[in-house]
Amino acid sequence: MELPMTLPVLLLLMALSVVWACPDGCQCRGSTVQCIGLSNFPMPLPASATKLYFSKCSFNSLEPEHMTNSLDLLIIKESLLREVRPGTFNSTPHIGSLTLTGTQLQDLPEALLKNLQKLETLILSINKLLVLRPQWFSLLTELRRLDLSRNLFTAVPVETFHPLKQLSYLSLSGNKVSQLSRETFKGLSQIITLRLNKNMLQELQAGTLDDLVNLGELSLQDNQITHLNRDLFSKTPKLQKLFLSNNKITSLPEGIFLNLPNLSQISLYENQLETLGPRVFGPMALQELWLYDNKLSRVEDDTFRNLTQLRLLVLSRNRISYVSTSAFRGLEQLGEVSLHTNRITTLQAGTFQVLPRLVNISLEHNFIKSLPRGFLQGLTHLGQVDLRNNSLPNLPQESLDTLTASQEVLLQQKPWRCDKDILPLRDWLKQHPSKTNQSLVVCDTPSSLNGEMIALLADENLVSLSSTQEPVLTSTEKRRRPHTPPAKRSTPSPAVKTTPTSEYERVTRSGQGDTGSISRDISITLIVIAVVCTVIISTVIISCICWRRNKSGTGNIGRSTNSVL
């Protein structure tokens, strides 16, 4: 009588074991199966599994029999997958997220995804896909996120993305795409993030972005773009982040950024910009502007006038030789300006007076020979003024009075000429010992005072340098040019005299000296002494050079924490 009851129980247990059995080498939690380091695809999978994660596996292919009807998420990453067979996803209509990343895939069947009409996320990044096939996406009308980055695509067929009306994120970064049709993004009005960086794009045609009315972030950095169309961004008023760094842009047309009131972040560094006009930037929410590593030679009046919310302006490592008096007009919120590693020889009086909130000024690694009277007048929040490695031989009292308003002044690595004109600086250093590292502010000339701390100089050491005394080398002669590798300098060693001096010859010729052997001994002794002296002197010279280079090395283009500042 008990057998009929036992049989159904056994059958139920067998069925449950099939439904819930977790494959060897995997971990199962609820309906989620996670497998790491498998050499073969696990079979059979629990029939109730809805989420599959595979990582660092070495199976080569995916086949239809591997899938279950209940699947809604599949992730395969950092694996040796080389092939996905046709029809693999025909029985998985509920998949909403599919990730195949970090594999050896070079191609996919054209109709592979036709049944995945609920798919919202598709990530095919970091593979070796060669050809972008429009058929992959033709029926994916619900797709919202598409990542095709870091493959080997060289072209994008114009119709590829047209069916993807719900797409909000698209990444093609890290491929080899050299051009895009102006119709490539037609109808994609829902895109918020578009990443095209790290390709080989030389331009974006006019109208390419016209349908992207909700675009908030555009990444175009690390391409080969040489110019931008004036109206490229005229239909993208919601743009907040724009990345254009590391291209070959030589100029920006007037008005190109006039219709971007929400722009809060832009990168233009590492281009070839030679000029910036006053109508390039419109009113916008920009707080930081990075323009370092370009070819700018001048900063003209009102260049940044519309950037009223700007806090940080970085113009370092350009070729700037002239900054106009009104170059920074309108930047009343600016807290830091970086002009280091340029070619500035003089500063205009009043250049910084229009910046009432200015805290830090970086002017190091230029060729500034003098400071205009009152060039920091009116600045009440000054923190650091960096004047290292310029061509100032001394500082008059009026310049030092201006510098007193700052908390810290960096004055090292200069050709300080320690004559009577250095007295104002010496006295200022004594009066304000906390404003600079006095041990680094040392004489350059005359040679008798080279390396001496200026703050410790005595009056009797300071004499007028006459025209017959050693010339004062300019900054150009004394130091390497900013932003160039140090030139190889060979310090000549003292000549080793291997022949007798004239006095010694006179003595030997007159018979004063015993024999030829004594002469030879003296010659050998002189040679040994000369060699030892040469070694000692060379060691001292090399040590000094290394010490000086090490002393300036951490800041040879700016702060150690951020070299472009």
Protein backbone atom coordinates (compact mmCIF):
# COMPACT_ATOMS: atom_id res chain seq x y z
CA MET A 1 0.00 0.00 0.00
CA GLU A 2 2.95 2.36 0.55
CA LEU A 3 4.56 1.83 -2.90
CA PRO A 4 2.17 4.07 -4.82
CA MET A 5 3.02 6.90 -2.43
CA THR A 6 6.78 6.29 -2.58
CA LEU A 7 7.04 6.39 -6.37
CA PRO A 8 5.65 9.92 -6.78
CA VAL A 9 7.96 11.17 -4.04
CA LEU A 10 10.99 9.67 -5.75
CA LEU A 11 9.98 11.16 -9.08
CA LEU A 12 9.50 14.54 -7.44
CA LEU A 13 12.92 14.38 -5.82
CA MET A 14 14.54 13.43 -9.13
CA ALA A 15 12.83 16.34 -10.84
CA LEU A 16 13.93 18.75 -8.14
CA SER A 17 17.50 17.51 -8.42
CA VAL A 18 17.49 18.40 -12.11
CA VAL A 19 15.92 21.79 -11.48
CA TRP A 20 18.18 22.82 -8.58
CA ALA A 21 21.43 20.88 -9.17
CA CYS A 22 24.42 23.28 -9.24
CA PRO A 23 27.11 22.41 -11.83
CA ASP A 24 30.58 21.41 -10.63
CA GLY A 25 32.90 24.40 -10.34
CA CYS A 26 30.02 26.88 -10.00
CA GLN A 27 28.26 28.63 -7.17
CA CYS A 28 24.49 28.85 -7.16
CA ARG A 29 22.39 31.26 -5.17
CA GLY A 30 18.71 31.19 -5.89
CA SER A 31 18.36 31.48 -9.65
CA THR A 32 21.89 32.88 -10.12
CA VAL A 33 24.76 30.68 -11.32
CA GLN A 34 28.34 31.97 -11.14
CA CYS A 35 31.24 30.01 -12.66
CA ILE A 36 34.95 30.88 -12.66
CA GLY A 37 37.81 29.15 -14.47
CA LEU A 38 35.83 26.39 -16.20
CA SER A 39 37.37 24.56 -19.16
CA ASN A 40 34.00 23.32 -20.48
CA PHE A 41 30.55 24.83 -20.49
CA PRO A 42 28.63 23.31 -17.54
CA MET A 43 25.86 20.94 -18.55
CA PRO A 44 23.13 20.67 -17.64
CA LEU A 45 22.33 24.04 -16.13
CA PRO A 46 19.56 24.29 -13.56
CA ALA A 47 16.35 24.72 -15.51
CA SER A 48 15.34 27.55 -13.19
CA ALA A 49 18.55 29.58 -13.68
CA THR A 50 17.82 33.12 -14.82
CA LYS A 51 21.25 34.73 -14.43
CA LEU A 52 24.55 33.23 -15.64
CA TYR A 53 28.02 34.67 -14.90
CA PHE A 54 31.15 33.18 -16.47
CA SER A 55 34.64 34.58 -15.79
CA LYS A 56 38.13 33.43 -16.81
CA CYS A 57 36.77 30.35 -18.57
CA SER A 58 38.45 28.52 -21.45
CA PHE A 59 35.54 26.99 -23.37
CA ASN A 60 35.66 28.08 -27.00
CA SER A 61 32.04 28.24 -28.11
CA LEU A 62 28.47 28.95 -27.13
CA GLU A 63 25.78 26.69 -28.60
CA PRO A 64 21.96 26.63 -28.54
CA GLU A 65 21.84 23.67 -26.13
CA HIS A 66 23.77 25.70 -23.56
CA MET A 67 20.90 28.14 -23.04
CA THR A 68 17.71 27.85 -20.97
CA ASN A 69 14.35 29.45 -21.71
CA SER A 70 14.22 31.18 -18.33
CA LEU A 71 17.46 33.14 -18.85
CA ASP A 72 17.21 36.95 -18.48
CA LEU A 73 20.92 37.83 -17.99
CA LEU A 74 24.13 36.37 -19.42
CA ILE A 75 27.66 37.66 -18.72
CA ILE A 76 30.83 36.10 -20.13
CA LYS A 77 34.02 38.05 -19.47
CA GLU A 78 37.80 37.54 -19.62
CA SER A 79 37.40 34.16 -21.30
CA LEU A 80 38.69 32.36 -24.39
CA LEU A 81 35.35 32.32 -26.18
CA ARG A 82 35.94 32.33 -29.94
CA GLU A 83 32.57 31.50 -31.43
CA VAL A 84 28.85 31.93 -30.82
CA ARG A 85 26.94 29.49 -32.99
CA PRO A 86 23.92 30.62 -35.05
CA GLY A 87 20.65 30.16 -33.16
CA THR A 88 22.31 30.23 -29.73
CA PHE A 89 19.76 32.73 -28.39
CA ASN A 90 16.69 31.56 -30.34
CA SER A 91 15.18 29.99 -27.22
CA THR A 92 16.01 32.84 -24.80
CA PRO A 93 13.45 35.57 -25.59
CA HIS A 94 13.56 36.97 -22.05
CA ILE A 95 17.20 38.09 -21.99
CA GLY A 96 17.35 41.74 -21.02
CA SER A 97 21.12 42.07 -20.54
CA LEU A 98 23.85 40.37 -22.57
CA THR A 99 27.59 40.90 -21.97
CA LEU A 100 30.39 39.30 -23.99
CA THR A 101 33.56 41.17 -23.03
CA GLY A 102 37.26 40.36 -22.95
CA THR A 103 36.95 37.37 -25.30
CA GLN A 104 38.56 36.21 -28.55
CA LEU A 105 35.45 36.83 -30.67
CA GLN A 106 36.20 38.16 -34.14
CA ASP A 107 32.68 37.98 -35.58
CA LEU A 108 29.07 37.14 -34.73
CA PRO A 109 26.29 35.64 -36.88
CA GLU A 110 24.15 38.36 -38.46
CA ALA A 111 20.85 36.99 -37.07
CA LEU A 112 22.25 36.08 -33.66
CA LEU A 113 20.18 38.63 -31.69
CA LYS A 114 16.94 38.64 -33.72
CA ASN A 115 14.88 37.00 -30.95
CA LEU A 116 16.19 39.22 -28.15
CA GLN A 117 13.55 41.90 -28.56
CA LYS A 118 13.49 42.59 -24.80
CA LEU A 119 17.22 43.31 -24.73
CA GLU A 120 18.01 46.61 -23.02
CA THR A 121 21.77 46.27 -22.39
CA LEU A 122 24.28 44.88 -24.88
CA ILE A 123 27.99 44.98 -24.05
CA LEU A 124 30.39 43.68 -26.69
CA SER A 125 33.53 45.51 -25.49
CA ILE A 126 37.18 44.42 -25.40
CA ASN A 127 36.84 41.75 -28.05
CA LYS A 128 38.44 41.37 -31.47
CA LEU A 129 35.40 42.09 -33.60
CA LEU A 130 36.46 43.28 -37.04
CA VAL A 131 33.23 44.22 -38.83
CA LEU A 132 30.27 46.12 -37.41
CA ARG A 133 27.13 44.47 -38.82
CA PRO A 134 23.89 46.52 -38.85
CA GLN A 135 21.83 43.27 -38.81
CA TRP A 136 22.88 42.64 -35.21
CA PHE A 137 20.74 45.55 -34.05
CA SER A 138 17.90 45.65 -36.60
CA LEU A 139 15.23 44.27 -34.21
CA LEU A 140 16.57 45.56 -30.88
CA THR A 141 14.01 48.34 -30.52
CA GLU A 142 14.17 48.34 -26.71
CA LEU A 143 17.95 48.64 -26.47
CA ARG A 144 19.08 51.46 -24.19
CA ARG A 145 22.77 50.78 -23.58
CA LEU A 146 25.23 49.65 -26.28
CA ASP A 147 28.96 49.30 -25.63
CA LEU A 148 31.14 48.41 -28.64
CA SER A 149 34.37 49.85 -27.25
CA ARG A 150 37.88 48.45 -27.69
CA ASN A 151 37.31 46.27 -30.73
CA LEU A 152 38.88 46.51 -34.19
CA PHE A 153 36.11 48.28 -36.11
CA THR A 154 37.35 50.57 -38.88
CA ALA A 155 33.98 51.72 -40.27
CA VAL A 156 30.41 52.31 -39.11
CA PRO A 157 27.74 51.63 -41.77
CA VAL A 158 25.40 54.62 -41.85
CA GLU A 159 22.26 52.60 -40.98
CA THR A 160 23.78 50.66 -38.08
CA PHE A 161 22.07 52.48 -35.20
CA HIS A 162 18.93 53.82 -36.87
CA PRO A 163 16.52 51.24 -35.33
CA LEU A 164 17.73 52.01 -31.80
CA LYS A 165 15.29 54.81 -30.98
CA GLN A 166 15.47 54.20 -27.22
CA LEU A 167 19.27 54.22 -27.02
CA SER A 168 20.63 56.49 -24.27
CA TYR A 169 24.27 55.29 -24.08
CA LEU A 170 26.52 54.46 -27.02
CA SER A 171 30.26 53.80 -26.89
CA LEU A 172 32.51 53.23 -29.90
CA SER A 173 35.69 54.26 -28.10
CA GLY A 174 38.97 52.46 -28.61
CA ASN A 175 38.40 51.34 -32.19
CA LYS A 176 39.96 52.42 -35.48
CA VAL A 177 37.12 54.40 -37.00
CA SER A 178 38.42 57.19 -39.23
CA GLN A 179 35.18 58.80 -40.41
CA LEU A 180 31.45 58.98 -39.69
CA SER A 181 28.59 59.90 -41.98
CA ARG A 182 26.53 62.91 -40.93
CA GLU A 183 23.54 60.49 -40.84
CA THR A 184 25.18 57.99 -38.46
CA PHE A 185 23.19 59.16 -35.42
CA LYS A 186 20.00 60.13 -37.23
CA GLY A 187 16.88 59.76 -35.08
CA LEU A 188 18.78 58.96 -31.86
CA SER A 189 17.14 61.73 -29.86
CA GLN A 190 17.36 59.83 -26.56
CA ILE A 191 21.14 59.52 -26.45
CA ILE A 192 22.61 61.14 -23.36
CA THR A 193 26.16 59.76 -23.48
CA LEU A 194 28.15 59.32 -26.71
CA ARG A 195 31.76 58.13 -26.55
CA LEU A 196 33.85 58.26 -29.71
CA ASN A 197 37.25 58.75 -28.07
CA LYS A 198 40.41 56.85 -28.97
CA ASN A 199 39.64 56.38 -32.63
CA MET A 200 41.19 57.88 -35.76
CA LEU A 201 38.55 60.51 -36.51
CA GLN A 202 39.82 63.56 -38.39
CA GLU A 203 36.56 65.52 -38.35
CA LEU A 204 32.85 65.45 -37.58
CA GLN A 205 30.77 66.71 -40.46
CA ALA A 206 28.34 69.56 -39.97
CA GLY A 207 24.99 68.18 -38.82
CA THR A 208 26.40 64.97 -37.35
CA LEU A 209 25.05 65.80 -33.88
CA ASP A 210 21.87 67.63 -34.91
CA ASP A 211 19.44 64.90 -33.80
CA LEU A 212 21.10 64.41 -30.41
CA VAL A 213 18.97 67.02 -28.67
CA ASN A 214 19.35 65.36 -25.24
CA LEU A 215 23.10 64.80 -25.46
CA GLY A 216 24.75 65.46 -22.09
CA GLU A 217 28.24 63.99 -22.55
CA LEU A 218 30.38 63.79 -25.68
CA SER A 219 33.83 62.19 -25.68
CA LEU A 220 36.02 62.99 -28.69
CA GLN A 221 39.44 62.99 -27.03
CA ASP A 222 42.40 61.00 -28.38
CA ASN A 223 41.51 61.27 -32.05
CA GLN A 224 43.14 63.13 -34.94
CA ILE A 225 40.60 65.92 -35.31
CA THR A 226 42.12 69.00 -36.94
CA HIS A 227 39.13 71.35 -36.99
CA LEU A 228 35.57 71.70 -35.72
CA ASN A 229 32.61 73.08 -37.66
CA ARG A 230 31.23 76.32 -36.23
CA ASP A 231 27.69 74.89 -35.91
CA LEU A 232 28.67 71.42 -34.69
CA PHE A 233 27.13 71.98 -31.24
CA SER A 234 24.32 74.34 -32.23
CA LYS A 235 21.58 71.68 -31.66
CA THR A 236 22.95 70.22 -28.40
CA PRO A 237 22.00 72.81 -25.75
CA LYS A 238 21.90 70.20 -22.95
CA LEU A 239 25.55 69.28 -23.33
CA GLN A 240 27.29 69.31 -19.94
CA LYS A 241 30.58 67.50 -20.59
CA LEU A 242 32.72 67.87 -23.71
CA PHE A 243 36.10 66.17 -24.09
CA LEU A 244 38.32 67.29 -26.98
CA SER A 245 41.82 66.81 -25.58
CA ASN A 246 44.72 65.14 -27.38
CA ASN A 247 43.67 65.97 -30.93
CA LYS A 248 45.24 68.19 -33.57
CA ILE A 249 42.88 71.15 -33.39
CA THR A 250 44.67 74.33 -34.49
CA SER A 251 41.87 76.86 -33.98
CA LEU A 252 38.34 77.21 -32.65
CA PRO A 253 35.85 79.16 -34.77
CA GLU A 254 34.10 82.08 -33.14
CA GLY A 255 30.76 81.12 -31.66
CA ILE A 256 31.40 77.37 -31.54
CA PHE A 257 30.58 77.21 -27.81
CA LEU A 258 28.01 80.00 -27.69
CA ASN A 259 24.94 77.71 -27.47
CA LEU A 260 26.12 75.55 -24.56
CA PRO A 261 24.75 77.24 -21.43
CA ASN A 262 24.88 74.01 -19.38
CA LEU A 263 28.48 73.11 -20.19
CA SER A 264 30.30 72.54 -16.91
CA GLN A 265 33.32 70.54 -18.07
CA ILE A 266 35.46 70.84 -21.19
CA SER A 267 38.94 69.53 -22.03
CA LEU A 268 40.98 71.19 -24.76
CA TYR A 269 44.48 70.37 -23.59
CA GLU A 270 47.10 68.59 -25.73
CA ASN A 271 46.00 70.09 -29.03
CA GLN A 272 47.70 72.53 -31.38
CA LEU A 273 45.66 75.65 -30.64
CA GLU A 274 47.53 78.76 -31.71
CA THR A 275 44.91 81.42 -30.94
CA LEU A 276 41.76 81.94 -28.90
CA GLY A 277 39.33 84.66 -29.91
CA PRO A 278 37.08 86.58 -27.51
CA ARG A 279 33.89 85.04 -28.95
CA VAL A 280 34.84 81.38 -28.72
CA PHE A 281 33.25 80.83 -25.30
CA GLY A 282 29.68 81.82 -24.60
CA PRO A 283 28.01 82.14 -21.20
CA MET A 284 28.22 78.73 -19.54
CA ALA A 285 28.51 76.99 -16.19
CA LEU A 286 32.16 76.09 -16.74
CA GLN A 287 34.25 76.00 -13.56
CA GLU A 288 37.54 74.57 -14.90
CA LEU A 289 39.26 75.20 -18.22
CA TRP A 290 42.36 73.16 -19.10
CA LEU A 291 44.34 74.50 -22.07
CA TYR A 292 47.83 73.24 -21.32
CA ASP A 293 50.11 71.69 -23.97
CA ASN A 294 48.89 73.79 -26.88
CA LYS A 295 50.69 76.38 -29.02
CA LEU A 296 49.07 79.56 -27.75
CA SER A 297 51.38 82.57 -28.08
CA ARG A 298 49.15 85.39 -26.80
CA VAL A 299 46.21 85.87 -24.46
CA GLU A 300 44.19 88.82 -25.68
CA ASP A 301 41.61 91.04 -24.03
CA ASP A 302 38.29 89.46 -23.00
CA THR A 303 39.21 85.96 -24.18
CA PHE A 304 37.40 84.39 -21.23
CA ARG A 305 34.97 87.16 -20.38
CA ASN A 306 31.82 84.99 -20.58
CA LEU A 307 33.17 82.35 -18.19
CA THR A 308 31.93 84.11 -15.10
CA GLN A 309 31.80 80.94 -12.97
CA LEU A 310 35.34 79.80 -13.77
CA ARG A 311 37.42 78.77 -10.74
CA LEU A 312 40.51 77.29 -12.40
CA LEU A 313 42.27 78.36 -15.61
CA VAL A 314 45.27 76.33 -16.81
CA LEU A 315 47.36 77.87 -19.61
CA SER A 316 50.65 76.20 -18.75
CA ARG A 317 53.08 74.59 -21.20
CA ASN A 318 52.18 76.77 -24.17
CA ARG A 319 54.25 79.37 -26.04
CA ILE A 320 52.69 82.42 -24.45
CA SER A 321 54.89 85.50 -24.57
CA TYR A 322 52.20 88.14 -24.03
CA VAL A 323 49.25 88.40 -21.64
CA SER A 324 47.18 91.53 -22.13
CA THR A 325 46.03 93.71 -19.25
CA SER A 326 42.38 92.67 -19.72
CA ALA A 327 42.98 89.02 -20.62
CA PHE A 328 41.20 87.82 -17.48
CA ARG A 329 38.44 90.41 -17.35
CA GLY A 330 35.14 88.93 -16.21
CA LEU A 331 36.66 86.07 -14.20
CA GLU A 332 35.65 87.38 -10.81
CA GLN A 333 35.31 83.88 -9.32
CA LEU A 334 38.72 82.67 -10.50
CA GLY A 335 40.76 81.18 -7.67
CA GLU A 336 43.79 79.85 -9.56
CA VAL A 337 45.57 80.69 -12.80
CA SER A 338 48.48 78.67 -14.15
CA LEU A 339 50.84 80.27 -16.68
CA HIS A 340 53.96 78.29 -15.98
CA THR A 341 56.34 76.94 -18.61
CA ASN A 342 55.72 79.61 -21.23
CA ARG A 343 57.81 82.37 -22.80
CA ILE A 344 56.67 85.35 -20.76
CA THR A 345 59.34 88.02 -20.31
CA THR A 346 57.22 90.86 -18.91
CA LEU A 347 53.89 91.17 -17.13
CA GLN A 348 51.42 93.97 -17.71
CA ALA A 349 50.51 96.06 -14.70
CA GLY A 350 46.95 95.32 -13.65
CA THR A 351 46.70 91.90 -15.31
CA PHE A 352 45.69 90.18 -12.08
CA GLN A 353 43.89 93.08 -10.41
CA VAL A 354 40.57 92.09 -12.03
CA LEU A 355 40.62 88.76 -10.12
CA PRO A 356 39.47 89.59 -6.59
CA ARG A 357 39.21 85.95 -5.46
CA LEU A 358 42.56 84.84 -6.82
CA VAL A 359 44.47 82.55 -4.45
CA ASN A 360 47.25 80.87 -6.45
CA ILE A 361 49.36 82.16 -9.36
CA SER A 362 51.83 79.90 -11.19
CA LEU A 363 54.42 81.83 -13.19
CA GLU A 364 57.40 79.51 -12.82
CA HIS A 365 59.59 78.43 -15.74
CA ASN A 366 59.25 81.60 -17.77
CA PHE A 367 61.72 84.35 -18.69
CA ILE A 368 60.37 87.16 -16.50
CA LYS A 369 63.05 89.78 -15.94
CA SER A 370 61.12 92.20 -13.74
CA LEU A 371 57.79 92.58 -11.99
CA PRO A 372 55.60 95.60 -12.72
CA ARG A 373 54.88 97.90 -9.84
CA GLY A 374 51.80 96.79 -7.94
CA PHE A 375 51.17 93.78 -10.17
CA LEU A 376 49.32 92.04 -7.30
CA GLN A 377 47.63 95.13 -5.97
CA GLY A 378 44.13 94.58 -4.63
CA LEU A 379 44.47 90.81 -4.22
CA THR A 380 43.56 90.06 -0.62
CA HIS A 381 43.23 86.25 -0.73
CA LEU A 382 46.62 85.31 -2.15
CA GLY A 383 47.95 81.95 -1.04
CA GLN A 384 50.90 81.02 -3.26
CA VAL A 385 52.81 82.95 -5.93
CA ASP A 386 55.23 80.72 -7.80
CA LEU A 387 58.07 82.62 -9.49
CA ARG A 388 60.65 79.85 -9.63
CA ASN A 389 63.09 79.54 -12.51
CA ASN A 390 62.71 82.94 -14.12
CA SER A 391 65.28 85.56 -15.12
CA LEU A 392 65.02 87.92 -12.17
CA PRO A 393 68.51 89.07 -11.07
CA ASN A 394 67.00 90.92 -8.08
CA LEU A 395 63.74 92.36 -6.79
CA PRO A 396 63.24 96.03 -5.98
CA GLN A 397 61.47 97.07 -2.80
CA GLU A 398 58.15 97.91 -4.48
CA SER A 399 57.91 94.40 -5.96
CA LEU A 400 58.69 92.85 -2.60
CA ASP A 401 56.06 94.99 -0.91
CA THR A 402 53.50 93.57 -3.33
CA LEU A 403 54.58 89.97 -2.66
CA THR A 404 54.11 90.50 1.07
CA ALA A 405 50.34 90.08 0.60
CA SER A 406 50.74 86.38 -0.28
CA GLN A 407 51.16 83.56 2.22
CA GLU A 408 53.91 81.79 0.25
CA VAL A 409 56.34 82.92 -2.46
CA LEU A 410 58.54 80.47 -4.35
CA LEU A 411 61.76 82.21 -5.41
CA GLN A 412 64.33 79.48 -5.97
CA GLN A 413 66.12 78.52 -9.20
CA LYS A 414 66.85 82.08 -10.31
CA PRO A 415 70.03 83.82 -11.49
CA TRP A 416 70.18 85.97 -8.34
CA ARG A 417 73.01 88.49 -8.67
CA CYS A 418 74.35 89.15 -5.22
CA ASP A 419 75.56 92.73 -5.41
CA LYS A 420 74.22 95.80 -3.59
CA ASP A 421 70.91 95.53 -5.49
CA ILE A 422 70.12 92.26 -3.71
CA LEU A 423 69.82 94.07 -0.36
CA PRO A 424 66.02 94.62 -0.54
CA LEU A 425 65.48 90.90 -1.14
CA ARG A 426 67.87 89.94 1.66
CA ASP A 427 66.09 92.20 4.12
CA TRP A 428 62.67 91.01 2.95
CA LEU A 429 63.69 87.39 3.49
CA LYS A 430 64.79 88.23 7.02
CA GLN A 431 61.54 90.01 7.76
CA HIS A 432 59.33 87.23 6.31
CA PRO A 433 61.06 83.91 7.05
CA SER A 434 57.84 81.88 6.75
CA LYS A 435 56.94 83.02 3.23
CA THR A 436 59.63 81.07 1.37
CA ASN A 437 62.15 78.31 1.85
CA GLN A 438 65.17 80.51 2.46
CA SER A 439 67.67 77.67 2.12
CA LEU A 440 66.76 77.44 -1.57
CA VAL A 441 67.08 81.16 -2.32
CA VAL A 442 70.80 81.37 -3.06
CA CYS A 443 73.22 83.51 -5.03
CA ASP A 444 74.09 82.63 -8.58
CA THR A 445 76.72 85.30 -9.21
CA PRO A 446 79.41 86.32 -8.48
CA SER A 447 81.12 82.95 -8.37
CA SER A 448 82.60 83.75 -4.97
CA LEU A 449 79.07 83.80 -3.53
CA ASN A 450 77.54 81.06 -5.67
CA GLY A 451 75.26 78.87 -3.56
CA GLU A 452 75.27 81.22 -0.56
CA MET A 453 71.93 81.82 1.15
CA ILE A 454 70.86 85.37 0.34
CA ALA A 455 69.18 85.81 3.73
CA LEU A 456 72.53 85.26 5.46
CA LEU A 457 74.65 87.59 3.36
CA ALA A 458 76.67 90.22 5.20
CA ASP A 459 76.90 93.79 3.91
CA GLU A 460 80.63 93.54 3.26
CA ASN A 461 80.04 90.68 0.83
CA LEU A 462 77.84 92.83 -1.39
CA VAL A 463 79.83 94.99 -3.78
CA SER A 464 78.95 96.43 -7.13
CA LEU A 465 79.82 94.16 -9.99
CA SER A 466 82.04 96.03 -12.42
CA SER A 467 81.99 95.52 -16.15
CA THR A 468 85.24 93.62 -15.92
CA GLN A 469 83.79 91.00 -13.63
CA GLU A 470 82.27 87.78 -14.83
CA PRO A 471 79.13 88.27 -16.94
CA VAL A 472 75.76 87.33 -15.56
CA LEU A 473 74.30 84.57 -17.66
CA THR A 474 70.69 84.93 -18.71
CA SER A 475 68.00 82.46 -17.78
CA THR A 476 68.20 81.02 -21.26
CA GLU A 477 71.89 80.32 -20.82
CA LYS A 478 71.80 79.19 -17.22
CA ARG A 479 68.97 76.67 -17.39
CA ARG A 480 67.38 74.41 -19.89
CA ARG A 481 64.33 75.66 -21.70
CA PRO A 482 61.03 74.68 -20.01
CA HIS A 483 59.23 71.64 -21.40
CA THR A 484 62.32 70.33 -23.14
CA PRO A 485 64.53 67.49 -22.01
CA PRO A 486 67.70 68.55 -20.25
CA ALA A 487 70.55 69.08 -22.64
CA LYS A 488 73.53 66.84 -22.15
CA ARG A 489 76.17 69.05 -20.67
CA SER A 490 79.79 67.96 -20.60
CA THR A 491 81.77 69.71 -17.92
CA PRO A 492 85.38 69.91 -19.11
CA SER A 493 87.80 68.33 -16.72
CA PRO A 494 90.90 70.30 -15.75
CA ALA A 495 93.69 69.57 -18.18
CA VAL A 496 96.23 67.06 -16.96
CA LYS A 497 99.70 68.41 -17.55
CA THR A 498 101.90 65.61 -18.80
CA THR A 499 104.81 67.87 -19.69
CA PRO A 500 106.95 69.99 -17.37
CA THR A 501 105.97 73.59 -16.78
CA SER A 502 108.14 76.36 -18.20
CA GLU A 503 109.53 77.06 -14.74
CA TYR A 504 110.43 73.39 -14.30
CA GLU A 505 112.06 73.34 -17.72
CA ARG A 506 114.08 76.45 -16.79
CA VAL A 507 115.27 74.83 -13.58
CA THR A 508 116.34 71.59 -15.22
CA ARG A 509 118.03 73.37 -18.04
CA SER A 510 120.13 75.42 -15.61
CA GLY A 511 121.43 72.27 -13.96
CA GLN A 512 119.29 72.55 -10.83
CA GLY A 513 118.07 68.98 -10.45
CA ASP A 514 119.98 65.86 -9.88
CA THR A 515 119.36 63.35 -12.61
CA GLY A 516 116.90 62.33 -15.29
CA SER A 517 115.39 59.76 -12.93
CA ILE A 518 114.50 62.48 -10.42
CA SER A 519 112.88 64.42 -13.25
CA ARG A 520 110.84 61.40 -14.21
CA ASP A 521 109.79 60.83 -10.59
CA ILE A 522 108.66 64.40 -10.25
CA SER A 523 106.74 64.16 -13.55
CA ILE A 524 105.00 60.98 -12.41
CA THR A 525 104.17 62.59 -9.08
CA LEU A 526 102.69 65.61 -10.84
CA ILE A 527 100.63 63.37 -13.12
CA VAL A 528 99.27 61.39 -10.17
CA ILE A 529 98.39 64.59 -8.33
CA ALA A 530 96.72 66.01 -11.43
CA VAL A 531 94.69 62.83 -11.98
CA VAL A 532 93.57 62.71 -8.34
CA CYS A 533 92.60 66.39 -8.47
CA THR A 534 90.70 65.82 -11.70
CA VAL A 535 88.73 62.96 -10.17
CA ILE A 536 87.90 64.98 -7.06
CA ILE A 537 86.87 68.09 -9.01
CA SER A 538 84.78 66.05 -11.48
CA THR A 539 83.05 64.26 -8.62
CA VAL A 540 82.22 67.57 -6.94
CA ILE A 541 80.92 69.08 -10.19
CA ILE A 542 78.77 66.05 -11.00
CA SER A 543 77.42 65.97 -7.45
CA CYS A 544 76.48 69.65 -7.67
CA ILE A 545 74.77 69.18 -11.01
CA CYS A 546 72.81 66.17 -9.71
CA TRP A 547 71.93 68.04 -6.53
CA ARG A 548 70.65 71.06 -8.43
CA ARG A 549 68.77 68.93 -10.93
CA ASN A 550 67.27 66.87 -8.14
CA LYS A 551 66.33 70.03 -6.30
CA SER A 552 64.40 71.31 -9.30
CA GLY A 553 63.33 67.95 -10.67
CA THR A 554 60.14 67.48 -8.73
CA GLY A 555 58.79 70.77 -9.94
CA ASN A 556 60.39 71.30 -13.29
CA ILE A 557 57.00 71.85 -14.89
CA GLY A 558 54.89 72.68 -11.87
CA ARG A 559 53.63 71.14 -8.69
CA SER A 560 54.52 67.56 -8.00
CA THR A 561 50.89 66.72 -7.26
CA ASN A 562 49.70 67.95 -10.64
CA SER A 563 52.36 68.90 -13.16
CA VAL A 564 50.11 71.05 -15.35
CA LEU A 565 49.23 73.32 -12.41
